[in-house]
Amino acid sequence: MAEKTIMLNCSAGMSTSLLVTKMQQAAKEHGIDAKIFACPASEADQHIQNEEIDCVLLGPQVGYMRGEFETKVKGAGKDGKDIPLDVIDMQAYGMMDGETVLTQAENMMKD
């Protein structure tokens, strides 16, 4: 089992799959043990309820759903804590910069 689990959400789960691959490559290069996966925003609830998610990142195209996701992640983490949530930087997303987005996720999980 991975040390950390990072969930990316977008409209259909397709556009973030390339970013997931880039993030996995960056994690491997840095020796980071992380499960990184993408899913459609419509499937987020089942993942949050059934898995130990350490970080949730929203694709810029679903950034408008942040308020809805804040409700989903409230108290849903380990020990009843909120799961860190943020919107992926639009430039990093557009460039499919897995390194930058992985760093964003790591910083969120430290706080």
N, C-alpha and C. Protein backbone atom coordinates (compact mmCIF):
# COMPACT_ATOMS: atom_id res chain seq x y z
N MET A 1 0.84 -1.20 0.00
CA MET A 1 0.00 0.00 0.00
C MET A 1 0.87 1.25 0.00
N ALA A 2 0.49 2.22 -0.78
CA ALA A 2 1.27 3.46 -0.90
C ALA A 2 1.21 4.27 0.39
N GLU A 3 2.27 5.04 0.61
CA GLU A 3 2.35 5.88 1.79
C GLU A 3 1.32 7.01 1.74
N LYS A 4 1.11 7.59 0.55
CA LYS A 4 0.16 8.69 0.37
C LYS A 4 -0.74 8.39 -0.82
N THR A 5 -1.98 8.88 -0.76
CA THR A 5 -2.92 8.72 -1.85
C THR A 5 -3.41 10.10 -2.29
N ILE A 6 -3.20 10.40 -3.57
CA ILE A 6 -3.57 11.69 -4.13
C ILE A 6 -4.64 11.45 -5.20
N MET A 7 -5.78 12.12 -5.04
CA MET A 7 -6.89 11.97 -5.99
C MET A 7 -7.05 13.25 -6.78
N LEU A 8 -7.06 13.12 -8.11
CA LEU A 8 -7.33 14.25 -8.99
C LEU A 8 -8.73 14.09 -9.56
N ASN A 9 -9.44 15.19 -9.66
CA ASN A 9 -10.79 15.15 -10.19
C ASN A 9 -10.93 16.11 -11.36
N CYS A 10 -11.65 15.68 -12.38
CA CYS A 10 -11.98 16.56 -13.50
C CYS A 10 -13.39 16.19 -13.96
N SER A 11 -13.78 16.71 -15.08
CA SER A 11 -15.15 16.48 -15.55
C SER A 11 -15.43 15.00 -15.80
N ALA A 12 -14.57 14.37 -16.60
CA ALA A 12 -14.81 12.97 -16.95
C ALA A 12 -13.69 12.03 -16.50
N GLY A 13 -12.62 12.57 -15.94
CA GLY A 13 -11.51 11.73 -15.51
C GLY A 13 -10.50 11.46 -16.61
N MET A 14 -10.78 11.96 -17.80
CA MET A 14 -9.90 11.66 -18.94
C MET A 14 -8.74 12.65 -19.04
N SER A 15 -9.04 13.93 -18.92
CA SER A 15 -8.00 14.93 -19.14
C SER A 15 -6.91 14.89 -18.08
N THR A 16 -7.23 14.41 -16.90
CA THR A 16 -6.22 14.36 -15.84
C THR A 16 -5.38 13.09 -15.90
N SER A 17 -5.75 12.12 -16.72
CA SER A 17 -5.00 10.86 -16.73
C SER A 17 -3.56 11.05 -17.21
N LEU A 18 -3.33 11.94 -18.16
CA LEU A 18 -1.96 12.22 -18.60
C LEU A 18 -1.18 12.90 -17.47
N LEU A 19 -1.83 13.81 -16.78
CA LEU A 19 -1.17 14.48 -15.65
C LEU A 19 -0.82 13.48 -14.56
N VAL A 20 -1.69 12.52 -14.31
CA VAL A 20 -1.41 11.47 -13.33
C VAL A 20 -0.13 10.73 -13.72
N THR A 21 0.00 10.37 -14.99
CA THR A 21 1.20 9.67 -15.46
C THR A 21 2.45 10.51 -15.21
N LYS A 22 2.37 11.79 -15.50
CA LYS A 22 3.51 12.69 -15.29
C LYS A 22 3.84 12.81 -13.79
N MET A 23 2.81 12.87 -12.95
CA MET A 23 3.02 12.94 -11.51
C MET A 23 3.64 11.65 -10.98
N GLN A 24 3.20 10.51 -11.51
CA GLN A 24 3.76 9.23 -11.09
C GLN A 24 5.23 9.14 -11.46
N GLN A 25 5.59 9.64 -12.64
CA GLN A 25 6.98 9.65 -13.06
C GLN A 25 7.82 10.52 -12.11
N ALA A 26 7.29 11.69 -11.78
CA ALA A 26 8.01 12.60 -10.87
C ALA A 26 8.15 11.97 -9.49
N ALA A 27 7.11 11.31 -9.01
CA ALA A 27 7.17 10.66 -7.70
C ALA A 27 8.23 9.56 -7.69
N LYS A 28 8.27 8.78 -8.76
CA LYS A 28 9.25 7.71 -8.87
C LYS A 28 10.67 8.27 -8.86
N GLU A 29 10.89 9.35 -9.61
CA GLU A 29 12.21 9.98 -9.68
C GLU A 29 12.67 10.49 -8.31
N HIS A 30 11.72 10.91 -7.48
CA HIS A 30 12.05 11.47 -6.17
C HIS A 30 11.92 10.44 -5.04
N GLY A 31 11.62 9.19 -5.40
CA GLY A 31 11.49 8.15 -4.40
C GLY A 31 10.29 8.32 -3.49
N ILE A 32 9.24 8.92 -4.02
CA ILE A 32 8.01 9.15 -3.24
C ILE A 32 7.05 8.00 -3.50
N ASP A 33 6.58 7.38 -2.42
CA ASP A 33 5.65 6.26 -2.51
C ASP A 33 4.23 6.82 -2.45
N ALA A 34 3.62 6.99 -3.61
CA ALA A 34 2.28 7.58 -3.66
C ALA A 34 1.40 6.87 -4.67
N LYS A 35 0.15 6.70 -4.29
CA LYS A 35 -0.87 6.24 -5.23
C LYS A 35 -1.51 7.52 -5.75
N ILE A 36 -1.44 7.72 -7.05
CA ILE A 36 -2.00 8.91 -7.68
C ILE A 36 -2.99 8.43 -8.73
N PHE A 37 -4.22 8.92 -8.63
CA PHE A 37 -5.22 8.49 -9.60
C PHE A 37 -6.18 9.63 -9.92
N ALA A 38 -6.85 9.49 -11.05
CA ALA A 38 -7.85 10.48 -11.48
C ALA A 38 -9.20 9.82 -11.58
N CYS A 39 -10.22 10.61 -11.31
CA CYS A 39 -11.58 10.12 -11.48
C CYS A 39 -12.49 11.31 -11.79
N PRO A 40 -13.63 11.03 -12.39
CA PRO A 40 -14.60 12.09 -12.63
C PRO A 40 -15.11 12.64 -11.30
N ALA A 41 -15.44 13.91 -11.28
CA ALA A 41 -15.97 14.53 -10.06
C ALA A 41 -17.19 13.77 -9.55
N SER A 42 -17.96 13.19 -10.46
CA SER A 42 -19.17 12.47 -10.07
C SER A 42 -18.87 11.20 -9.27
N GLU A 43 -17.63 10.69 -9.33
CA GLU A 43 -17.26 9.48 -8.58
C GLU A 43 -16.45 9.78 -7.32
N ALA A 44 -16.23 11.05 -7.04
CA ALA A 44 -15.38 11.43 -5.90
C ALA A 44 -15.92 10.91 -4.58
N ASP A 45 -17.22 11.00 -4.37
CA ASP A 45 -17.81 10.58 -3.09
C ASP A 45 -17.43 9.15 -2.73
N GLN A 46 -17.57 8.23 -3.68
CA GLN A 46 -17.29 6.82 -3.37
C GLN A 46 -15.83 6.61 -3.02
N HIS A 47 -14.91 7.33 -3.68
CA HIS A 47 -13.49 7.20 -3.36
C HIS A 47 -13.18 7.79 -1.98
N ILE A 48 -13.77 8.94 -1.68
CA ILE A 48 -13.54 9.58 -0.38
C ILE A 48 -14.07 8.69 0.74
N GLN A 49 -15.19 8.05 0.52
CA GLN A 49 -15.80 7.20 1.55
C GLN A 49 -15.10 5.85 1.71
N ASN A 50 -14.55 5.32 0.62
CA ASN A 50 -14.02 3.95 0.64
C ASN A 50 -12.51 3.84 0.67
N GLU A 51 -11.80 4.95 0.56
CA GLU A 51 -10.34 4.90 0.55
C GLU A 51 -9.79 5.96 1.49
N GLU A 52 -8.54 5.77 1.91
CA GLU A 52 -7.88 6.79 2.71
C GLU A 52 -7.17 7.74 1.76
N ILE A 53 -7.83 8.85 1.48
CA ILE A 53 -7.31 9.86 0.57
C ILE A 53 -6.55 10.89 1.40
N ASP A 54 -5.33 11.22 0.98
CA ASP A 54 -4.51 12.19 1.71
C ASP A 54 -4.58 13.58 1.12
N CYS A 55 -5.04 13.69 -0.13
CA CYS A 55 -5.04 14.98 -0.81
C CYS A 55 -6.00 14.90 -2.00
N VAL A 56 -6.78 15.97 -2.19
CA VAL A 56 -7.69 16.04 -3.34
C VAL A 56 -7.34 17.29 -4.15
N LEU A 57 -7.11 17.08 -5.44
CA LEU A 57 -6.82 18.18 -6.35
C LEU A 57 -7.90 18.22 -7.43
N LEU A 58 -8.40 19.41 -7.68
CA LEU A 58 -9.42 19.60 -8.71
C LEU A 58 -8.79 20.18 -9.97
N GLY A 59 -9.15 19.64 -11.12
CA GLY A 59 -8.71 20.23 -12.38
C GLY A 59 -9.31 21.63 -12.50
N PRO A 60 -8.63 22.54 -13.16
CA PRO A 60 -9.14 23.91 -13.28
C PRO A 60 -10.55 23.98 -13.86
N GLN A 61 -10.89 23.03 -14.73
CA GLN A 61 -12.21 23.05 -15.35
C GLN A 61 -13.33 22.72 -14.37
N VAL A 62 -13.01 22.16 -13.22
CA VAL A 62 -14.03 21.90 -12.19
C VAL A 62 -13.74 22.71 -10.92
N GLY A 63 -12.90 23.71 -11.05
CA GLY A 63 -12.58 24.57 -9.90
C GLY A 63 -13.81 25.21 -9.30
N TYR A 64 -14.83 25.43 -10.12
CA TYR A 64 -16.09 26.01 -9.62
C TYR A 64 -16.78 25.11 -8.60
N MET A 65 -16.37 23.84 -8.54
CA MET A 65 -16.97 22.88 -7.61
C MET A 65 -16.27 22.85 -6.25
N ARG A 66 -15.33 23.75 -6.04
CA ARG A 66 -14.54 23.75 -4.81
C ARG A 66 -15.42 23.74 -3.56
N GLY A 67 -16.43 24.58 -3.53
CA GLY A 67 -17.32 24.65 -2.36
C GLY A 67 -17.99 23.31 -2.07
N GLU A 68 -18.44 22.66 -3.12
CA GLU A 68 -19.08 21.34 -2.99
C GLU A 68 -18.06 20.32 -2.45
N PHE A 69 -16.84 20.37 -2.96
CA PHE A 69 -15.80 19.45 -2.51
C PHE A 69 -15.36 19.73 -1.08
N GLU A 70 -15.38 21.00 -0.67
CA GLU A 70 -15.02 21.32 0.72
C GLU A 70 -15.95 20.59 1.68
N THR A 71 -17.21 20.48 1.31
CA THR A 71 -18.17 19.73 2.12
C THR A 71 -17.84 18.25 2.13
N LYS A 72 -17.46 17.71 0.96
CA LYS A 72 -17.15 16.28 0.84
C LYS A 72 -15.94 15.88 1.69
N VAL A 73 -14.91 16.74 1.74
CA VAL A 73 -13.66 16.37 2.41
C VAL A 73 -13.65 16.72 3.90
N LYS A 74 -14.65 17.48 4.34
CA LYS A 74 -14.70 17.90 5.75
C LYS A 74 -14.85 16.68 6.66
N GLY A 75 -13.87 16.45 7.49
CA GLY A 75 -13.90 15.35 8.44
C GLY A 75 -13.76 13.97 7.82
N ALA A 76 -13.44 13.90 6.53
CA ALA A 76 -13.38 12.61 5.83
C ALA A 76 -11.99 11.98 5.82
N GLY A 77 -11.02 12.67 6.38
CA GLY A 77 -9.65 12.16 6.37
C GLY A 77 -9.34 11.30 7.57
N LYS A 78 -8.06 10.97 7.70
CA LYS A 78 -7.61 10.16 8.82
C LYS A 78 -7.92 10.87 10.13
N ASP A 79 -8.35 10.12 11.11
CA ASP A 79 -8.67 10.65 12.44
C ASP A 79 -9.73 11.74 12.39
N GLY A 80 -10.59 11.70 11.38
CA GLY A 80 -11.68 12.67 11.29
C GLY A 80 -11.25 14.06 10.87
N LYS A 81 -10.04 14.17 10.36
CA LYS A 81 -9.55 15.48 9.90
C LYS A 81 -10.04 15.75 8.48
N ASP A 82 -10.00 17.03 8.10
CA ASP A 82 -10.36 17.40 6.73
C ASP A 82 -9.26 16.94 5.78
N ILE A 83 -9.64 16.48 4.62
CA ILE A 83 -8.68 16.12 3.58
C ILE A 83 -8.26 17.42 2.89
N PRO A 84 -6.95 17.67 2.75
CA PRO A 84 -6.52 18.88 2.05
C PRO A 84 -7.07 18.91 0.62
N LEU A 85 -7.53 20.10 0.22
CA LEU A 85 -8.17 20.29 -1.07
C LEU A 85 -7.65 21.56 -1.73
N ASP A 86 -7.41 21.50 -3.03
CA ASP A 86 -7.03 22.70 -3.77
C ASP A 86 -7.33 22.49 -5.25
N VAL A 87 -7.31 23.59 -6.00
CA VAL A 87 -7.47 23.55 -7.45
C VAL A 87 -6.06 23.56 -8.05
N ILE A 88 -5.83 22.71 -9.02
CA ILE A 88 -4.53 22.63 -9.69
C ILE A 88 -4.27 23.95 -10.41
N ASP A 89 -3.05 24.45 -10.26
CA ASP A 89 -2.65 25.66 -10.96
C ASP A 89 -2.90 25.50 -12.45
N MET A 90 -3.58 26.49 -13.04
CA MET A 90 -4.00 26.38 -14.44
C MET A 90 -2.81 26.25 -15.40
N GLN A 91 -1.73 26.98 -15.13
CA GLN A 91 -0.56 26.90 -16.01
C GLN A 91 0.10 25.52 -15.90
N ALA A 92 0.25 25.02 -14.67
CA ALA A 92 0.85 23.69 -14.48
C ALA A 92 -0.02 22.63 -15.13
N TYR A 93 -1.34 22.79 -15.03
CA TYR A 93 -2.26 21.83 -15.64
C TYR A 93 -2.12 21.87 -17.16
N GLY A 94 -2.12 23.07 -17.73
CA GLY A 94 -2.03 23.23 -19.18
C GLY A 94 -0.73 22.67 -19.75
N MET A 95 0.34 22.78 -18.97
CA MET A 95 1.65 22.27 -19.40
C MET A 95 1.83 20.80 -19.04
N MET A 96 0.83 20.23 -18.34
CA MET A 96 0.92 18.85 -17.85
C MET A 96 2.22 18.67 -17.06
N ASP A 97 2.48 19.63 -16.17
CA ASP A 97 3.70 19.67 -15.37
C ASP A 97 3.50 18.84 -14.09
N GLY A 98 3.75 17.55 -14.22
CA GLY A 98 3.56 16.62 -13.10
C GLY A 98 4.41 16.96 -11.89
N GLU A 99 5.60 17.44 -12.13
CA GLU A 99 6.53 17.81 -11.05
C GLU A 99 5.93 18.92 -10.17
N THR A 100 5.43 19.96 -10.82
CA THR A 100 4.85 21.10 -10.09
C THR A 100 3.60 20.69 -9.33
N VAL A 101 2.74 19.91 -9.97
CA VAL A 101 1.49 19.51 -9.32
C VAL A 101 1.78 18.54 -8.16
N LEU A 102 2.77 17.67 -8.32
CA LEU A 102 3.16 16.79 -7.22
C LEU A 102 3.68 17.62 -6.03
N THR A 103 4.47 18.63 -6.32
CA THR A 103 4.96 19.52 -5.26
C THR A 103 3.80 20.23 -4.57
N GLN A 104 2.81 20.67 -5.35
CA GLN A 104 1.63 21.29 -4.78
C GLN A 104 0.94 20.33 -3.81
N ALA A 105 0.78 19.09 -4.22
CA ALA A 105 0.12 18.09 -3.37
C ALA A 105 0.96 17.82 -2.10
N GLU A 106 2.26 17.69 -2.27
CA GLU A 106 3.13 17.44 -1.10
C GLU A 106 3.03 18.58 -0.09
N ASN A 107 3.02 19.81 -0.57
CA ASN A 107 2.91 20.96 0.32
C ASN A 107 1.57 20.98 1.05
N MET A 108 0.51 20.58 0.37
CA MET A 108 -0.81 20.53 0.99
C MET A 108 -0.84 19.48 2.12
N MET A 109 -0.17 18.36 1.90
CA MET A 109 -0.22 17.28 2.88
C MET A 109 0.66 17.58 4.09
N LYS A 110 1.60 18.52 3.96
CA LYS A 110 2.46 18.89 5.10
C LYS A 110 1.73 19.77 6.09
N ASP A 111 0.82 20.60 5.59
CA ASP A 111 0.12 21.57 6.45
C ASP A 111 -0.83 20.90 7.42
